[in-house]
Every structure is written in structure tokens, then in C-alpha cells.
C-alpha atoms as a PDB file:
ATOM      1  CA  MET A   1       4.086   9.463   6.235  1.00  0.00           C
ATOM      2  CA  ASP A   2       4.128   8.572   2.561  1.00  0.00           C
ATOM      3  CA  LEU A   3       1.725   5.764   1.654  1.00  0.00           C
ATOM      4  CA  LYS A   4       2.287   4.133  -1.707  1.00  0.00           C
ATOM      5  CA  CYS A   5      -0.008   1.449  -3.071  1.00  0.00           C
ATOM      6  CA  LYS A   6       0.636  -0.708  -6.101  1.00  0.00           C
ATOM      7  CA  LYS A   7      -2.624  -2.622  -5.713  1.00  0.00           C
ATOM      8  CA  LEU A   8      -4.452  -0.854  -8.553  1.00  0.00           C
ATOM      9  CA  ASP A   9      -7.809  -2.503  -7.867  1.00  0.00           C
ATOM     10  CA  CYS A  10      -8.101  -1.103  -4.316  1.00  0.00           C
ATOM     11  CA  ILE A  11     -10.774   1.531  -3.669  1.00  0.00           C
ATOM     12  CA  TYR A  12      -8.217   3.606  -1.739  1.00  0.00           C
ATOM     13  CA  ASN A  13      -5.657   3.703  -4.567  1.00  0.00           C
ATOM     14  CA  ASP A  14      -5.349   7.110  -6.230  1.00  0.00           C
ATOM     15  CA  GLU A  15      -2.533   7.024  -8.804  1.00  0.00           C
ATOM     16  CA  TYR A  16      -0.414   4.707  -6.620  1.00  0.00           C
ATOM     17  CA  SER A  17      -1.076   6.739  -3.475  1.00  0.00           C
ATOM     18  CA  CYS A  18      -3.186   5.389  -0.612  1.00  0.00           C
ATOM     19  CA  THR A  19      -6.077   7.620   0.490  1.00  0.00           C
ATOM     20  CA  ALA A  20      -7.280   5.491   3.422  1.00  0.00           C
ATOM     21  CA  LYS A  21      -7.630   7.244   6.791  1.00  0.00           C
ATOM     22  CA  GLY A  22      -6.019   4.268   8.531  1.00  0.00           C
ATOM     23  CA  ILE A  23      -4.274   1.063   7.539  1.00  0.00           C
ATOM     24  CA  THR A  24      -3.919  -2.250   9.314  1.00  0.00           C
ATOM     25  CA  VAL A  25      -1.084  -4.601   8.404  1.00  0.00           C
ATOM     26  CA  LYS A  26      -1.819  -8.150   9.580  1.00  0.00           C
ATOM     27  CA  HIS A  27       0.718 -10.532  11.138  1.00  0.00           C
ATOM     28  CA  ASN A  28       1.343 -12.134   7.713  1.00  0.00           C
ATOM     29  CA  LEU A  29       2.026  -8.642   6.212  1.00  0.00           C
ATOM     30  CA  ASN A  30      -1.272  -8.561   4.283  1.00  0.00           C
ATOM     31  CA  CYS A  31      -3.016  -5.192   4.165  1.00  0.00           C
ATOM     32  CA  ALA A  32      -6.328  -5.736   5.973  1.00  0.00           C
ATOM     33  CA  THR A  33      -7.584  -2.343   4.752  1.00  0.00           C
ATOM     34  CA  PHE A  34      -7.568  -3.441   1.095  1.00  0.00           C
ATOM     35  CA  GLU A  35     -11.027  -3.338  -0.459  1.00  0.00           C
ATOM     36  CA  LYS A  36     -11.505  -4.448  -4.044  1.00  0.00           C
ATOM     37  CA  ASN A  37     -12.822  -1.784  -6.394  1.00  0.00           C
ATOM     38  CA  ASN A  38     -15.247  -3.310  -8.899  1.00  0.00           C
ATOM     39  CA  ASN A  39     -15.618  -0.047 -10.881  1.00  0.00           C
ATOM     40  CA  LEU A  40     -12.122   0.424 -12.259  1.00  0.00           C
ATOM     41  CA  THR A  41     -11.103   3.225 -14.609  1.00  0.00           C
ATOM     42  CA  PRO A  42      -9.070   2.344 -17.726  1.00  0.00           C
ATOM     43  CA  GLU A  43      -5.944   3.611 -15.934  1.00  0.00           C
ATOM     44  CA  GLN A  44      -6.569   1.287 -12.994  1.00  0.00           C
ATOM     45  CA  LYS A  45      -7.075  -1.657 -15.345  1.00  0.00           C
ATOM     46  CA  GLN A  46      -3.698  -1.211 -17.009  1.00  0.00           C
ATOM     47  CA  ASN A  47      -1.178  -3.962 -16.556  1.00  0.00           C
ATOM     48  CA  VAL A  48       1.896  -1.908 -15.704  1.00  0.00           C
ATOM     49  CA  SER A  49       4.281  -4.828 -16.217  1.00  0.00           C
ATOM     50  CA  LYS A  50       3.123  -5.077 -19.847  1.00  0.00           C
ATOM     51  CA  THR A  51       2.902  -1.343 -20.595  1.00  0.00           C
ATOM     52  CA  MET A  52       5.793   0.083 -18.593  1.00  0.00           C
ATOM     53  CA  PHE A  53       7.938   0.638 -21.689  1.00  0.00           C
ATOM     54  CA  GLU A  54       5.073   2.003 -23.774  1.00  0.00           C
ATOM     55  CA  ILE A  55       3.261   4.398 -21.431  1.00  0.00           C
ATOM     56  CA  ALA A  56       4.546   5.608 -18.087  1.00  0.00           C
ATOM     57  CA  PRO A  57       1.932   5.198 -15.347  1.00  0.00           C
ATOM     58  CA  GLU A  58       0.552   8.316 -13.695  1.00  0.00           C
ATOM     59  CA  TYR A  59       1.868   8.710 -10.150  1.00  0.00           C
ATOM     60  CA  HIS A  60       0.267  11.084  -7.697  1.00  0.00           C
ATOM     61  CA  PRO A  61       2.803  13.494  -6.180  1.00  0.00           C
ATOM     62  CA  PHE A  62       4.061  12.870  -2.650  1.00  0.00           C
ATOM     63  CA  ARG A  63       1.284  13.272  -0.092  1.00  0.00           C
ATOM     64  CA  HIS A  64       2.264  13.889   3.483  1.00  0.00           C
ATOM     65  CA  ASN A  65      -0.283  11.953   5.555  1.00  0.00           C
ATOM     66  CA  LYS A  66       0.641  12.938   9.087  1.00  0.00           C
ATOM     67  CA  ASP A  67      -2.753  11.959  10.515  1.00  0.00           C
ATOM     68  CA  VAL A  68      -2.877   8.442   9.075  1.00  0.00           C
ATOM     69  CA  LYS A  69      -2.720   5.718  11.691  1.00  0.00           C
ATOM     70  CA  ILE A  70      -0.992   2.502  10.623  1.00  0.00           C
ATOM     71  CA  ARG A  71      -1.661  -0.444  12.893  1.00  0.00           C
ATOM     72  CA  CYS A  72       0.862  -3.243  12.570  1.00  0.00           C
ATOM     73  CA  GLU A  73       0.280  -6.774  13.789  1.00  0.00           C
ATOM     74  CA  ALA A  74       3.545  -8.088  12.304  1.00  0.00           C
ATOM     75  CA  SER A  75       5.486  -8.730  15.501  1.00  0.00           C
ATOM     76  CA  GLN A  76       8.632  -9.630  13.545  1.00  0.00           C
ATOM     77  CA  CYS A  77       8.785  -6.223  11.770  1.00  0.00           C
ATOM     78  CA  LEU A  78      11.475  -3.735  12.783  1.00  0.00           C
ATOM     79  CA  PHE A  79       9.016  -0.827  12.344  1.00  0.00           C
ATOM     80  CA  ASN A  80       6.382  -2.300  14.670  1.00  0.00           C
ATOM     81  CA  HIS A  81       6.375  -0.198  17.818  1.00  0.00           C
ATOM     82  CA  TYR A  82       3.799  -1.628  20.231  1.00  0.00           C
ATOM     83  CA  GLY A  83       1.319  -2.248  17.409  1.00  0.00           C
ATOM     84  CA  ASP A  84       1.912   1.004  15.513  1.00  0.00           C
ATOM     85  CA  CYS A  85       4.092   1.427  12.444  1.00  0.00           C
ATOM     86  CA  CYS A  86       6.953   3.864  13.066  1.00  0.00           C
ATOM     87  CA  SER A  87       8.282   3.885   9.491  1.00  0.00           C
ATOM     88  CA  ASN A  88       8.441   7.150   7.489  1.00  0.00           C
ATOM     89  CA  GLY A  89       6.241   5.539   4.861  1.00  0.00           C
ATOM     90  CA  ILE A  90       5.070   2.204   3.568  1.00  0.00           C
ATOM     91  CA  THR A  91       4.468   0.596   0.215  1.00  0.00           C
ATOM     92  CA  VAL A  92       1.674  -1.883  -0.330  1.00  0.00           C
ATOM     93  CA  GLN A  93       2.496  -4.276  -3.172  1.00  0.00           C
ATOM     94  CA  ARG A  94       0.359  -6.407  -5.429  1.00  0.00           C
ATOM     95  CA  GLY A  95       0.125 -10.036  -4.476  1.00  0.00           C
ATOM     96  CA  ASN A  96      -1.710 -12.794  -6.307  1.00  0.00           C
ATOM     97  CA  TYR A  97      -4.968 -12.093  -4.511  1.00  0.00           C
ATOM     98  CA  LYS A  98      -3.923  -9.964  -1.558  1.00  0.00           C
ATOM     99  CA  ALA A  99      -2.146  -6.689  -0.957  1.00  0.00           C
ATOM    100  CA  TYR A 100       0.886  -6.864   1.306  1.00  0.00           C
ATOM    101  CA  CYS A 101       3.294  -4.472   3.004  1.00  0.00           C
ATOM    102  CA  SER A 102       6.652  -4.658   1.222  1.00  0.00           C
ATOM    103  CA  THR A 103       8.301  -2.147   3.564  1.00  0.00           C
ATOM    104  CA  ALA A 104       8.440  -4.597   6.457  1.00  0.00           C
ATOM    105  CA  MET A 105      11.911  -5.501   7.685  1.00  0.00           C
ATOM    106  CA  LYS A 106      12.617  -8.466   9.919  1.00  0.00           C
ATOM    107  CA  GLU A 107      14.120  -7.748  13.297  1.00  0.00           C
ATOM    108  CA  LYS A 108      17.358  -9.565  14.029  1.00  0.00           C
END
């Protein structure tokens, strides 16, 4: 499972890769595992939307996290299999104040 995180101020974010041992996605797709990091490095403070054409952000190489458990409370998501995420990987995006799962797909 590949876990990408674009919420740079999360304590589990390591160069856009999630290092949490488990993730919970709430019914509204918010990442309940998100914890704000108040001790950010200069790289974590960068505003990628403003610097993307000046300096490429550092991405951690693919990490295969086969032991990570992703709980999913989003009943409308195609990847929700009895409360567990069955996707090959997820991406947590930046929201205004929250982090949310952008990999979710609505079931028909």
C-alpha cells in the first residue's frame, strides 16, 4: 500500500509519504489520523503552489506499507470493504483546515 500525504504540517508526513502505523478515514473523507506538527522544518513550511516552478519539492521514494491498516468509515466509497480500505494506495490532500482522502471513489 502506498500512502501519500500532501498535508505538510502533519507529524506523520515525511517528504509527502505517510509514516503512520494506521489511518482512519472518517465518513466525510477527513483523515482522523492527522495530527498538526507545530515544529515544522523549512521544507515543511514551503508553499508548494508558490514554489513549484522554482524548486521541485523533495518526494520520498515509494514505500510499500503492507502492514498499515486503513480503516474507512466512508460508506459511499468504492474501496470501503466492511470498514477497511481495499485500495492499492491512498493520497491524503490538503484541505483548508483538515486533511482528506482524495482517493475515494463514489459507488454507483
